């Protein structure tokens, strides 16, 4: 008897492992094959709450994991790619999208012997994955995932086909009235949190219900509980994240708990509604009843809470407040390392956002350098210098953190050649931006020396501001093309802008030499030439970024 129990337990663990592995490969295969498009779909979602919900439904239906979608949403909120209100709509939609798994298992898992398809699918997937020259290889994991999913379901069916009489005590839980239903919900939440997959737990419930091991009411309670347990990944991903990311995770937890409470209050009418939608006694088509319950529950919860997205955002902002003292003097990379499996594209998209922020901060530095040229006194330039030096240290930290993380991404096993090229491009861009920030500090430092040697503005000094403006316009133009690169015409224009900067440098240095010949202060003119040289080097840094695009 004891050995029999041990055998059943290990067979169950093995079948569950295959099921989870299959779902993991299925999700990661889709993300590798089309993940960049799906993630961009998430990142560019409009402020329209209905569009956000539909986006959440679509993405989750495709990748078959509400946890993966929610982790992406929390990460994008943390990186300021998504706003909190946008995230709320997507989270609502993700809960609906995850119900697709229940329908797949319900239709395919019990209508025919799916294990007959499992081994061929694994073989086909392996063959597709070995085609390194073709983009289709990214979908190899997807096909293998389906094969393992089917194999795991078949083994689960064999393992969990228990004699209803021997497990009658489980179904007796529902005879305890309200407390029995609540216990079923708590069991569902705990087990789902333990295996980190509501889809896998739903498959287990469907399998046990199909074999008659658990009844309709207990199945419903377990499914409701799984909606709470699935929030564990969002909670884990928000640890150490920004305040808004924690708010997004809190919305996910609160939404699922509140929805479950409402369903529990109206538990009997809720089951009657599902019985009405799916005619016939539940025992005759229990897997379809469970799949429908899952869909109706999440759809109704979304309909109830969707009109109050703004109010929910306001409430959670009051409950989770910004820290009183925000430490902004040092940079912290906002990219969250997901507990679940995520693709390189998922991380690189967040890094692209950070590179854009780095570019924006450097543009601010350039504008502050211009303000230093406008004010001609040591005190005003000293104030600008303090600000510039602090910002330059911050950008140095950004470069170090971003470059280090990009190298980690480059070394990831699933990094493709095209993604490797993209990572190299980002490394060159961040290096160029950091070098440009260094030149800003050099310009201000040389300017401070020049001011101490000259008591008033000269016509030659006034030529420096237009010269600096050339660099700003050049960098502004290049910054607009960091994401999509430059066409041949745009590259030609960039070359012309660089040539104009070089030409102006020669003119200004020539004028400085003439002033030296005319008896002007040599040290002052050498400092002037130094300023011109650093401005030209700033232009070279921008041109280096052009060459990396």
Protein backbone atom coordinates (compact mmCIF):
# COMPACT_ATOMS: atom_id res chain seq x y z
CA UNK A 1 0.00 0.00 0.00
CA UNK A 2 2.79 2.38 1.00
CA UNK A 3 4.78 1.61 -2.14
CA UNK A 4 1.67 2.14 -4.23
CA UNK A 5 1.17 5.62 -2.74
CA UNK A 6 4.82 6.46 -3.33
CA UNK A 7 4.55 5.28 -6.94
CA UNK A 8 1.45 7.40 -7.56
CA UNK A 9 3.13 10.42 -5.96
CA UNK A 10 6.28 10.18 -8.08
CA UNK A 11 4.28 9.51 -11.25
CA UNK A 12 2.22 12.61 -10.49
CA UNK A 13 5.34 14.73 -9.89
CA UNK A 14 6.87 13.48 -13.15
CA UNK A 15 3.70 14.18 -15.13
CA UNK A 16 3.40 17.63 -13.52
CA UNK A 17 7.04 18.37 -14.36
CA UNK A 18 6.42 17.45 -17.99
CA UNK A 19 3.30 19.62 -18.04
CA UNK A 20 5.10 22.63 -16.52
CA UNK A 21 8.11 22.12 -18.78
CA UNK A 22 5.84 21.94 -21.81
CA UNK A 23 4.01 25.14 -20.84
CA UNK A 24 7.33 26.87 -20.16
CA UNK A 25 8.72 25.87 -23.57
CA UNK A 26 5.42 26.76 -25.24
CA UNK A 27 5.45 30.25 -23.74
CA UNK A 28 9.16 30.90 -24.31
CA UNK A 29 8.97 29.51 -27.86
CA UNK A 30 6.24 31.97 -28.78
CA UNK A 31 8.14 34.80 -27.09
CA UNK A 32 11.36 33.93 -28.95
CA UNK A 33 9.55 33.62 -32.27
CA UNK A 34 7.34 36.68 -31.96
CA UNK A 35 8.15 38.06 -28.51
CA UNK A 36 9.57 41.39 -29.69
CA UNK A 37 6.32 42.11 -31.55
CA UNK A 38 4.17 41.03 -28.60
CA UNK A 39 6.21 43.10 -26.17
CA UNK A 40 6.07 46.13 -28.45
CA UNK A 41 2.32 45.60 -28.63
CA UNK A 42 2.25 45.86 -24.84
CA UNK A 43 4.58 48.85 -24.71
CA UNK A 44 2.72 51.00 -27.26
CA UNK A 45 -0.79 50.33 -25.95
CA UNK A 46 -2.84 53.52 -25.89
CA UNK A 47 -4.44 55.08 -22.84
CA UNK A 48 -7.83 53.70 -23.93
CA UNK A 49 -8.83 51.16 -21.26
CA UNK A 50 -10.68 48.95 -23.76
CA UNK A 51 -7.64 48.78 -26.04
CA UNK A 52 -5.50 47.90 -23.03
CA UNK A 53 -7.85 45.05 -22.06
CA UNK A 54 -7.92 43.67 -25.61
CA UNK A 55 -4.12 43.86 -25.75
CA UNK A 56 -3.88 41.90 -22.51
CA UNK A 57 -6.33 39.28 -23.81
CA UNK A 58 -4.49 38.89 -27.13
CA UNK A 59 -0.94 38.71 -25.74
CA UNK A 60 -1.88 36.28 -22.96
CA UNK A 61 -3.89 34.09 -25.34
CA UNK A 62 -0.83 33.80 -27.55
CA UNK A 63 1.86 33.19 -24.94
CA UNK A 64 -0.48 31.05 -22.78
CA UNK A 65 0.64 32.61 -19.51
CA UNK A 66 -1.02 35.40 -17.56
CA UNK A 67 1.95 35.32 -15.18
CA UNK A 68 4.37 36.08 -18.03
CA UNK A 69 2.15 38.93 -19.26
CA UNK A 70 1.80 40.40 -15.78
CA UNK A 71 5.54 40.17 -15.14
CA UNK A 72 6.14 42.02 -18.42
CA UNK A 73 3.59 44.66 -17.44
CA UNK A 74 5.16 45.19 -14.00
CA UNK A 75 8.61 45.41 -15.62
CA UNK A 76 7.41 47.94 -18.22
CA UNK A 77 5.77 50.05 -15.53
CA UNK A 78 9.02 49.91 -13.57
CA UNK A 79 10.91 51.10 -16.67
CA UNK A 80 8.29 53.84 -17.27
CA UNK A 81 7.31 52.31 -20.61
CA UNK A 82 3.71 51.88 -19.41
CA UNK A 83 1.64 54.07 -17.11
CA UNK A 84 -0.23 52.61 -14.14
CA UNK A 85 -3.66 53.08 -15.77
CA UNK A 86 -2.49 51.34 -18.94
CA UNK A 87 -1.10 48.48 -16.86
CA UNK A 88 -4.41 48.02 -15.02
CA UNK A 89 -6.31 47.49 -18.29
CA UNK A 90 -3.73 44.99 -19.57
CA UNK A 91 -3.83 43.06 -16.27
CA UNK A 92 -7.62 42.81 -16.55
CA UNK A 93 -7.26 41.48 -20.10
CA UNK A 94 -4.54 39.01 -19.10
CA UNK A 95 -6.93 37.32 -16.68
CA UNK A 96 -9.37 36.74 -19.54
CA UNK A 97 -6.65 35.61 -21.95
CA UNK A 98 -5.37 32.94 -19.58
CA UNK A 99 -8.71 31.10 -19.82
CA UNK A 100 -7.78 30.00 -23.34
CA UNK A 101 -5.57 27.29 -21.81
CA UNK A 102 -8.58 25.73 -20.07
CA UNK A 103 -10.45 25.57 -23.39
CA UNK A 104 -7.48 23.98 -25.18
CA UNK A 105 -7.13 21.33 -22.49
CA UNK A 106 -10.90 20.80 -22.37
CA UNK A 107 -11.25 20.31 -26.13
CA UNK A 108 -8.01 18.45 -26.87
CA UNK A 109 -7.15 16.78 -23.62
CA UNK A 110 -10.12 14.48 -23.22
CA UNK A 111 -11.73 14.04 -26.63
CA UNK A 112 -9.07 11.70 -28.04
CA UNK A 113 -5.76 10.08 -27.18
CA UNK A 114 -3.49 13.09 -27.38
CA UNK A 115 -0.37 11.13 -26.42
CA UNK A 116 -0.41 9.81 -30.00
CA UNK A 117 0.51 13.33 -31.14
CA UNK A 118 3.01 14.06 -28.37
CA UNK A 119 6.10 12.15 -29.57
CA UNK A 120 5.75 13.23 -33.26
CA UNK A 121 5.40 16.87 -32.15
CA UNK A 122 8.54 16.64 -30.01
CA UNK A 123 10.40 15.17 -33.00
CA UNK A 124 9.15 17.86 -35.38
CA UNK A 125 10.02 20.56 -32.84
CA UNK A 126 13.55 19.23 -32.44
CA UNK A 127 14.02 19.22 -36.22
CA UNK A 128 12.70 22.81 -36.53
CA UNK A 129 14.94 23.97 -33.70
CA UNK A 130 18.01 22.53 -35.43
CA UNK A 131 17.47 24.72 -38.54
CA UNK A 132 19.88 27.44 -37.46
CA UNK A 133 19.82 29.26 -40.78
CA UNK A 134 16.11 29.99 -40.66
CA UNK A 135 14.04 32.24 -38.42
CA UNK A 136 11.53 29.40 -38.00
CA UNK A 137 13.97 27.70 -35.57
CA UNK A 138 12.72 30.11 -32.89
CA UNK A 139 9.39 28.27 -32.99
CA UNK A 140 11.03 24.91 -32.28
CA UNK A 141 10.48 25.27 -28.54
CA UNK A 142 6.82 26.10 -29.24
CA UNK A 143 6.25 22.78 -31.02
CA UNK A 144 8.26 20.79 -28.46
CA UNK A 145 6.27 22.56 -25.74
CA UNK A 146 2.99 21.39 -27.23
CA UNK A 147 4.33 17.84 -27.40
CA UNK A 148 5.44 17.86 -23.76
CA UNK A 149 2.15 19.49 -22.75
CA UNK A 150 0.15 16.71 -24.41
CA UNK A 151 2.41 14.03 -22.95
CA UNK A 152 2.13 15.56 -19.47
CA UNK A 153 -1.67 15.75 -19.74
CA UNK A 154 -1.87 12.11 -20.79
CA UNK A 155 0.33 11.00 -17.88
CA UNK A 156 -1.65 13.18 -15.49
CA UNK A 157 -4.82 11.53 -16.72
CA UNK A 158 -3.36 8.08 -15.98
CA UNK A 159 -2.01 9.16 -12.59
CA UNK A 160 -5.07 11.06 -11.39
CA UNK A 161 -7.67 8.54 -12.56
CA UNK A 162 -8.54 7.55 -9.02
CA UNK A 163 -11.48 5.61 -7.70
CA UNK A 164 -14.07 8.25 -6.68
CA UNK A 165 -14.92 6.17 -3.61
CA UNK A 166 -11.32 6.15 -2.39
CA UNK A 167 -11.09 9.95 -2.58
CA UNK A 168 -14.65 10.64 -1.46
CA UNK A 169 -13.32 12.56 1.55
CA UNK A 170 -12.05 15.25 -0.85
CA UNK A 171 -15.50 15.88 -2.28
CA UNK A 172 -16.93 15.89 1.23
CA UNK A 173 -15.23 19.28 1.65
CA UNK A 174 -18.13 20.87 -0.23
CA UNK A 175 -20.56 19.39 2.31
CA UNK A 176 -19.12 21.73 4.93
CA UNK A 177 -21.12 24.59 3.47
CA UNK A 178 -19.50 28.00 3.03
CA UNK A 179 -16.39 26.99 4.95
CA UNK A 180 -15.85 24.03 2.67
CA UNK A 181 -16.00 26.23 -0.43
CA UNK A 182 -13.60 28.73 1.18
CA UNK A 183 -11.22 25.88 2.04
CA UNK A 184 -11.34 24.78 -1.61
CA UNK A 185 -10.44 28.31 -2.71
CA UNK A 186 -7.52 28.44 -0.26
CA UNK A 187 -6.23 25.05 -1.45
CA UNK A 188 -6.43 26.24 -5.07
CA UNK A 189 -4.58 29.46 -4.22
CA UNK A 190 -1.84 27.66 -2.27
CA UNK A 191 -1.20 24.96 -4.87
CA UNK A 192 -1.17 27.47 -7.75
CA UNK A 193 1.32 29.68 -5.90
CA UNK A 194 3.44 26.59 -5.23
CA UNK A 195 3.71 25.53 -8.88
CA UNK A 196 3.69 29.13 -10.23
CA UNK A 197 1.19 28.36 -12.97
CA UNK A 198 -2.59 28.75 -12.92
CA UNK A 199 -2.72 27.11 -16.36
CA UNK A 200 -0.99 23.98 -15.08
CA UNK A 201 -3.21 23.86 -11.99
CA UNK A 202 -6.29 24.30 -14.17
CA UNK A 203 -5.13 21.33 -16.25
CA UNK A 204 -4.82 19.26 -13.04
CA UNK A 205 -8.33 20.24 -11.94
CA UNK A 206 -9.73 19.41 -15.39
CA UNK A 207 -7.99 16.03 -15.35
CA UNK A 208 -9.26 15.12 -11.89
CA UNK A 209 -12.78 16.33 -12.70
CA UNK A 210 -12.84 14.35 -15.96
CA UNK A 211 -11.93 11.17 -14.07
CA UNK A 212 -14.64 11.83 -11.48
CA UNK A 213 -12.14 12.31 -8.66
CA UNK A 214 -13.56 15.72 -7.74
CA UNK A 215 -17.05 17.09 -8.20
CA UNK A 216 -18.33 20.25 -9.92
CA UNK A 217 -18.54 22.46 -6.83
CA UNK A 218 -15.03 21.62 -5.59
CA UNK A 219 -13.63 22.14 -9.12
CA UNK A 220 -15.22 25.60 -9.19
CA UNK A 221 -13.76 26.50 -5.79
CA UNK A 222 -10.28 25.33 -6.81
CA UNK A 223 -10.42 27.33 -10.06
CA UNK A 224 -11.45 30.47 -8.17
CA UNK A 225 -8.52 29.94 -5.81
CA UNK A 226 -6.08 29.54 -8.67
CA UNK A 227 -6.87 33.11 -9.74
CA UNK A 228 -5.47 34.30 -6.41
CA UNK A 229 -2.43 31.99 -6.45
CA UNK A 230 -1.36 33.13 -9.90
CA UNK A 231 -0.59 36.62 -8.55
CA UNK A 232 2.54 35.29 -6.82
CA UNK A 233 4.75 36.00 -9.85
CA UNK A 234 3.63 39.64 -10.05
CA UNK A 235 4.37 40.07 -6.34
CA UNK A 236 7.84 38.51 -6.66
CA UNK A 237 8.69 40.59 -9.73
CA UNK A 238 7.77 43.82 -7.91
CA UNK A 239 10.23 43.25 -5.06
CA UNK A 240 12.83 46.00 -5.28
CA UNK A 241 10.94 47.71 -8.12
CA UNK A 242 9.67 51.27 -8.39
CA UNK A 243 6.60 52.45 -6.50
CA UNK A 244 4.45 52.35 -9.64
CA UNK A 245 5.54 48.76 -10.39
CA UNK A 246 4.52 47.76 -6.86
CA UNK A 247 1.19 49.47 -7.45
CA UNK A 248 0.65 47.47 -10.64
CA UNK A 249 1.38 44.22 -8.78
CA UNK A 250 -0.99 45.31 -5.99
CA UNK A 251 -3.74 45.93 -8.55
CA UNK A 252 -3.29 42.40 -9.89
CA UNK A 253 -3.54 40.90 -6.39
CA UNK A 254 -6.46 43.14 -5.36
CA UNK A 255 -8.40 42.57 -8.58
CA UNK A 256 -8.16 38.78 -8.35
CA UNK A 257 -8.99 38.68 -4.63
CA UNK A 258 -11.96 41.05 -4.95
CA UNK A 259 -13.26 39.18 -7.98
CA UNK A 260 -13.02 35.89 -6.10
CA UNK A 261 -14.83 37.32 -3.06
CA UNK A 262 -17.68 38.54 -5.28
CA UNK A 263 -17.87 35.10 -6.92
CA UNK A 264 -17.97 33.44 -3.49
CA UNK A 265 -20.79 35.71 -2.32
CA UNK A 266 -22.84 34.66 -5.33
CA UNK A 267 -21.35 31.16 -5.57
CA UNK A 268 -24.57 29.17 -6.10
CA UNK A 269 -26.11 31.64 -8.60
CA UNK A 270 -22.74 31.76 -10.35
CA UNK A 271 -22.73 27.99 -10.86
CA UNK A 272 -26.36 28.14 -12.04
CA UNK A 273 -25.34 30.75 -14.64
CA UNK A 274 -22.60 28.47 -15.98
CA UNK A 275 -25.05 25.52 -16.02
CA UNK A 276 -27.45 27.69 -18.00
CA UNK A 277 -24.76 28.59 -20.58
CA UNK A 278 -23.64 24.95 -20.91
CA UNK A 279 -26.85 22.84 -21.09
CA UNK A 280 -27.04 19.48 -19.42
CA UNK A 281 -25.85 18.16 -16.05
CA UNK A 282 -22.30 19.24 -15.12
CA UNK A 283 -21.13 15.63 -14.79
CA UNK A 284 -21.88 15.01 -18.49
CA UNK A 285 -19.52 17.76 -19.70
CA UNK A 286 -17.62 18.84 -16.61
CA UNK A 287 -14.44 19.96 -18.41
CA UNK A 288 -16.49 22.33 -20.60
CA UNK A 289 -18.29 23.60 -17.48
CA UNK A 290 -14.96 24.32 -15.77
CA UNK A 291 -13.53 26.11 -18.82
CA UNK A 292 -16.70 28.20 -19.12
CA UNK A 293 -16.64 29.02 -15.39
CA UNK A 294 -13.06 30.23 -15.72
CA UNK A 295 -13.97 32.46 -18.68
CA UNK A 296 -17.21 33.82 -17.22
CA UNK A 297 -15.56 34.59 -13.88
CA UNK A 298 -12.69 36.62 -15.34
CA UNK A 299 -14.90 38.32 -17.93
CA UNK A 300 -17.50 39.36 -15.34
CA UNK A 301 -14.80 40.62 -12.95
CA UNK A 302 -13.32 42.73 -15.75
CA UNK A 303 -16.73 44.15 -16.70
CA UNK A 304 -17.39 45.06 -13.05
CA UNK A 305 -14.06 46.82 -12.41
CA UNK A 306 -13.19 48.25 -15.85
CA UNK A 307 -15.27 51.47 -15.45
CA UNK A 308 -13.28 52.26 -12.30
CA UNK A 309 -9.73 52.07 -13.71
CA UNK A 310 -8.90 55.68 -12.79
CA UNK A 311 -10.41 55.30 -9.32
CA UNK A 312 -8.45 52.07 -8.78
CA UNK A 313 -5.24 53.84 -9.83
CA UNK A 314 -5.98 56.69 -7.40
CA UNK A 315 -6.77 54.29 -4.55
CA UNK A 316 -3.65 52.17 -4.99
CA UNK A 317 -1.54 55.36 -5.26
CA UNK A 318 -2.86 56.43 -1.86
CA UNK A 319 -2.26 53.01 -0.33
CA UNK A 320 1.27 52.66 -1.74
CA UNK A 321 2.85 56.10 -1.44
CA UNK A 322 6.10 57.38 -2.89
CA UNK A 323 8.99 57.27 -0.38
CA UNK A 324 9.44 60.61 1.36
CA UNK A 325 13.12 60.73 0.47
CA UNK A 326 13.78 59.57 -3.07
CA UNK A 327 17.44 58.71 -3.61
CA UNK A 328 18.17 60.11 -7.07
CA UNK A 329 21.88 60.86 -6.68
CA UNK A 330 22.85 57.38 -7.88
CA UNK A 331 21.51 55.42 -10.81
CA UNK A 332 19.77 52.09 -10.34
CA UNK A 333 18.96 50.00 -13.38
CA UNK A 334 15.16 49.53 -13.36
CA UNK A 335 15.22 46.28 -15.33
CA UNK A 336 13.63 43.48 -13.30
CA UNK A 337 15.06 39.97 -13.56
CA UNK A 338 11.96 37.84 -13.91
CA UNK A 339 11.45 34.73 -11.80
CA UNK A 340 9.71 33.22 -14.81
CA UNK A 341 11.47 32.51 -18.08
CA UNK A 342 11.74 35.61 -20.26
CA UNK A 343 13.45 36.24 -23.58
CA UNK A 344 16.40 38.50 -24.32
CA UNK A 345 14.04 40.75 -26.32
CA UNK A 346 12.06 41.38 -23.14
CA UNK A 347 15.14 42.79 -21.41
CA UNK A 348 16.58 44.65 -24.41
CA UNK A 349 13.31 46.55 -24.91
CA UNK A 350 13.62 47.92 -21.38
CA UNK A 351 17.28 48.82 -21.99
CA UNK A 352 16.30 50.76 -25.12
CA UNK A 353 14.08 52.89 -22.91
CA UNK A 354 17.02 53.52 -20.54
CA UNK A 355 19.27 54.49 -23.46
CA UNK A 356 16.63 57.02 -24.53
CA UNK A 357 16.60 58.45 -20.98
CA UNK A 358 20.40 58.57 -21.02
CA UNK A 359 20.26 60.46 -24.31
CA UNK A 360 17.70 62.92 -22.90
CA UNK A 361 19.83 63.63 -19.83
CA UNK A 362 22.88 64.27 -22.02
CA UNK A 363 20.82 66.67 -24.15
CA UNK A 364 19.98 68.55 -20.94
CA UNK A 365 23.70 68.74 -20.16
CA UNK A 366 24.40 70.22 -23.60
CA UNK A 367 21.71 72.85 -23.07
CA UNK A 368 23.17 73.73 -19.68
CA UNK A 369 26.57 74.18 -21.32
CA UNK A 370 24.90 76.68 -23.66
CA UNK A 371 23.52 78.56 -20.65
CA UNK A 372 27.08 78.73 -19.29
CA UNK A 373 28.18 80.45 -22.51
CA UNK A 374 25.37 82.98 -22.15
CA UNK A 375 26.23 84.07 -18.59
CA UNK A 376 29.67 85.65 -18.48
CA UNK A 377 30.77 85.53 -14.85
CA UNK A 378 32.58 83.02 -12.68
CA UNK A 379 29.73 82.62 -10.19
CA UNK A 380 27.08 81.63 -12.74
CA UNK A 381 29.47 79.28 -14.54
CA UNK A 382 30.42 77.69 -11.22
CA UNK A 383 26.77 76.87 -10.54
CA UNK A 384 26.44 75.28 -13.98
CA UNK A 385 29.69 73.38 -13.45
CA UNK A 386 28.50 71.81 -10.18
CA UNK A 387 25.31 70.69 -11.89
CA UNK A 388 27.13 69.38 -14.99
CA UNK A 389 29.69 67.40 -12.97
CA UNK A 390 26.93 65.72 -10.90
CA UNK A 391 24.97 64.81 -14.05
CA UNK A 392 28.10 63.46 -15.70
CA UNK A 393 28.73 61.14 -12.74
CA UNK A 394 25.11 59.94 -12.99
CA UNK A 395 25.50 59.20 -16.72
CA UNK A 396 28.75 57.35 -16.01
CA UNK A 397 26.79 55.14 -13.62
CA UNK A 398 24.10 54.64 -16.26
CA UNK A 399 26.69 53.58 -18.80
CA UNK A 400 28.29 51.13 -16.37
CA UNK A 401 24.98 49.55 -15.32
CA UNK A 402 23.48 49.41 -18.83
CA UNK A 403 26.66 48.08 -20.46
CA UNK A 404 27.08 45.43 -17.77
CA UNK A 405 23.50 44.24 -18.17
CA UNK A 406 23.77 44.21 -21.97
CA UNK A 407 26.83 41.97 -21.70
CA UNK A 408 24.80 39.59 -19.52
CA UNK A 409 22.10 39.55 -22.20
CA UNK A 410 24.73 38.92 -24.89
CA UNK A 411 25.95 35.83 -23.03
CA UNK A 412 22.48 34.35 -22.60
CA UNK A 413 22.12 31.00 -24.31
CA UNK A 414 19.04 31.99 -26.35
CA UNK A 415 20.56 35.19 -27.76
CA UNK A 416 20.33 35.02 -31.56
CA UNK A 417 22.83 36.55 -33.97
CA UNK A 418 20.48 39.39 -34.89
CA UNK A 419 19.82 40.15 -31.22
CA UNK A 420 23.57 40.00 -30.56
CA UNK A 421 24.07 42.64 -33.27
CA UNK A 422 21.39 44.81 -31.65
CA UNK A 423 23.08 44.49 -28.27
CA UNK A 424 26.42 45.51 -29.81
CA UNK A 425 24.74 48.55 -31.33
CA UNK A 426 23.29 49.57 -27.98
CA UNK A 427 26.70 49.13 -26.33
CA UNK A 428 28.27 51.48 -28.89
CA UNK A 429 25.46 54.03 -28.49
CA UNK A 430 25.72 54.12 -24.69
CA UNK A 431 29.50 54.43 -24.94
CA UNK A 432 29.12 57.34 -27.38
CA UNK A 433 26.56 59.11 -25.17
CA UNK A 434 28.81 58.70 -22.11
CA UNK A 435 31.78 60.11 -24.05
CA UNK A 436 29.61 63.08 -25.08
CA UNK A 437 28.75 63.77 -21.42
CA UNK A 438 32.49 63.69 -20.64
CA UNK A 439 33.10 66.36 -23.26
CA UNK A 440 30.39 68.54 -21.66
CA UNK A 441 32.37 68.58 -18.42
CA UNK A 442 35.60 69.29 -20.34
CA UNK A 443 33.99 72.25 -22.12
CA UNK A 444 32.78 73.77 -18.85
CA UNK A 445 36.17 73.15 -17.20
CA UNK A 446 37.99 74.92 -20.05
CA UNK A 447 35.41 77.71 -19.95
CA UNK A 448 36.12 78.30 -16.26
CA UNK A 449 39.83 78.72 -17.05
CA UNK A 450 39.08 81.08 -19.92
CA UNK A 451 36.83 83.31 -17.79
CA UNK A 452 39.60 83.83 -15.22
CA UNK A 453 41.86 85.22 -17.96
CA UNK A 454 39.40 87.61 -19.62
CA UNK A 455 37.35 90.31 -17.89
CA UNK A 456 34.66 90.85 -20.54
CA UNK A 457 32.92 89.23 -23.46
CA UNK A 458 34.59 89.50 -26.83
CA UNK A 459 33.29 89.06 -30.34
CA UNK A 460 35.31 85.84 -30.58
CA UNK A 461 33.67 84.50 -27.40
CA UNK A 462 30.19 85.20 -28.75
CA UNK A 463 30.98 82.88 -31.69
CA UNK A 464 31.18 79.92 -29.29
CA UNK A 465 27.45 79.81 -28.55
CA UNK A 466 26.40 79.30 -32.22
CA UNK A 467 29.17 76.71 -32.49
CA UNK A 468 27.84 74.82 -29.48
CA UNK A 469 24.34 75.08 -30.93
CA UNK A 470 25.56 73.19 -34.01
CA UNK A 471 26.49 70.24 -31.79
CA UNK A 472 23.15 70.36 -29.96
CA UNK A 473 21.20 70.33 -33.23
CA UNK A 474 23.36 67.45 -34.47
CA UNK A 475 22.77 65.37 -31.34
CA UNK A 476 19.06 66.21 -31.30
CA UNK A 477 18.77 64.96 -34.89
CA UNK A 478 20.65 61.72 -34.15
CA UNK A 479 18.69 61.10 -30.92
CA UNK A 480 15.46 60.99 -32.91
CA UNK A 481 16.84 58.04 -34.90
CA UNK A 482 18.33 55.89 -32.12
CA UNK A 483 15.56 53.29 -32.32
CA UNK A 484 15.08 52.91 -36.07
CA UNK A 485 18.47 53.91 -37.46
CA UNK A 486 19.27 56.22 -40.38
CA UNK A 487 18.35 56.01 -44.03
CA UNK A 488 20.98 56.82 -46.67
CA UNK A 489 19.57 60.35 -47.03
CA UNK A 490 19.52 60.89 -43.26
CA UNK A 491 23.08 59.59 -43.01
CA UNK A 492 24.13 62.01 -45.75
CA UNK A 493 22.62 64.90 -43.79
CA UNK A 494 24.44 63.72 -40.66
CA UNK A 495 27.73 63.76 -42.55
CA UNK A 496 27.05 67.33 -43.66
CA UNK A 497 26.34 68.42 -40.08
CA UNK A 498 29.61 66.84 -38.91
CA UNK A 499 31.53 68.57 -41.73
CA UNK A 500 30.02 71.93 -40.74
CA UNK A 501 31.19 71.45 -37.15
CA UNK A 502 34.72 70.62 -38.36
CA UNK A 503 34.71 73.63 -40.68
CA UNK A 504 33.64 75.98 -37.86
CA UNK A 505 36.39 74.58 -35.64
CA UNK A 506 39.04 75.45 -38.22
CA UNK A 507 37.69 79.00 -38.56
CA UNK A 508 37.61 79.64 -34.80
CA UNK A 509 41.10 78.20 -34.22
CA UNK A 510 42.43 80.34 -37.07
CA UNK A 511 40.91 83.48 -35.51
CA UNK A 512 42.49 82.58 -32.15
CA UNK A 513 45.94 82.24 -33.72
CA UNK A 514 45.55 85.64 -35.39
CA UNK A 515 44.70 87.19 -32.01
CA UNK A 516 47.84 85.66 -30.54
CA UNK A 517 49.86 87.18 -33.38
CA UNK A 518 48.21 90.54 -32.64
CA UNK A 519 49.49 90.41 -29.06
CA UNK A 520 46.44 89.15 -27.17
CA UNK A 521 46.83 87.16 -23.94
CA UNK A 522 48.36 83.84 -25.00
CA UNK A 523 46.99 81.77 -22.10
CA UNK A 524 43.47 83.11 -22.65
CA UNK A 525 43.60 82.25 -26.34
CA UNK A 526 44.96 78.78 -25.62
CA UNK A 527 42.03 78.19 -23.28
CA UNK A 528 39.75 79.46 -26.05
CA UNK A 529 41.28 76.95 -28.50
CA UNK A 530 40.81 74.26 -25.86
CA UNK A 531 37.09 75.10 -25.65
CA UNK A 532 36.82 74.91 -29.45
CA UNK A 533 38.64 71.58 -29.47
CA UNK A 534 36.32 70.02 -26.87
CA UNK A 535 33.20 71.27 -28.68
CA UNK A 536 34.51 69.65 -31.86
CA UNK A 537 35.22 66.43 -29.94
CA UNK A 538 31.61 66.51 -28.71
CA UNK A 539 30.57 66.59 -32.36
CA UNK A 540 32.86 63.61 -33.02
CA UNK A 541 31.11 61.70 -30.21
CA UNK A 542 27.77 62.33 -31.90
CA UNK A 543 29.20 61.22 -35.22
CA UNK A 544 30.47 58.04 -33.54
CA UNK A 545 26.87 57.31 -32.55
CA UNK A 546 25.84 57.86 -36.19
CA UNK A 547 28.35 55.21 -37.30
CA UNK A 548 26.91 52.70 -34.83
CA UNK A 549 23.32 53.11 -36.11
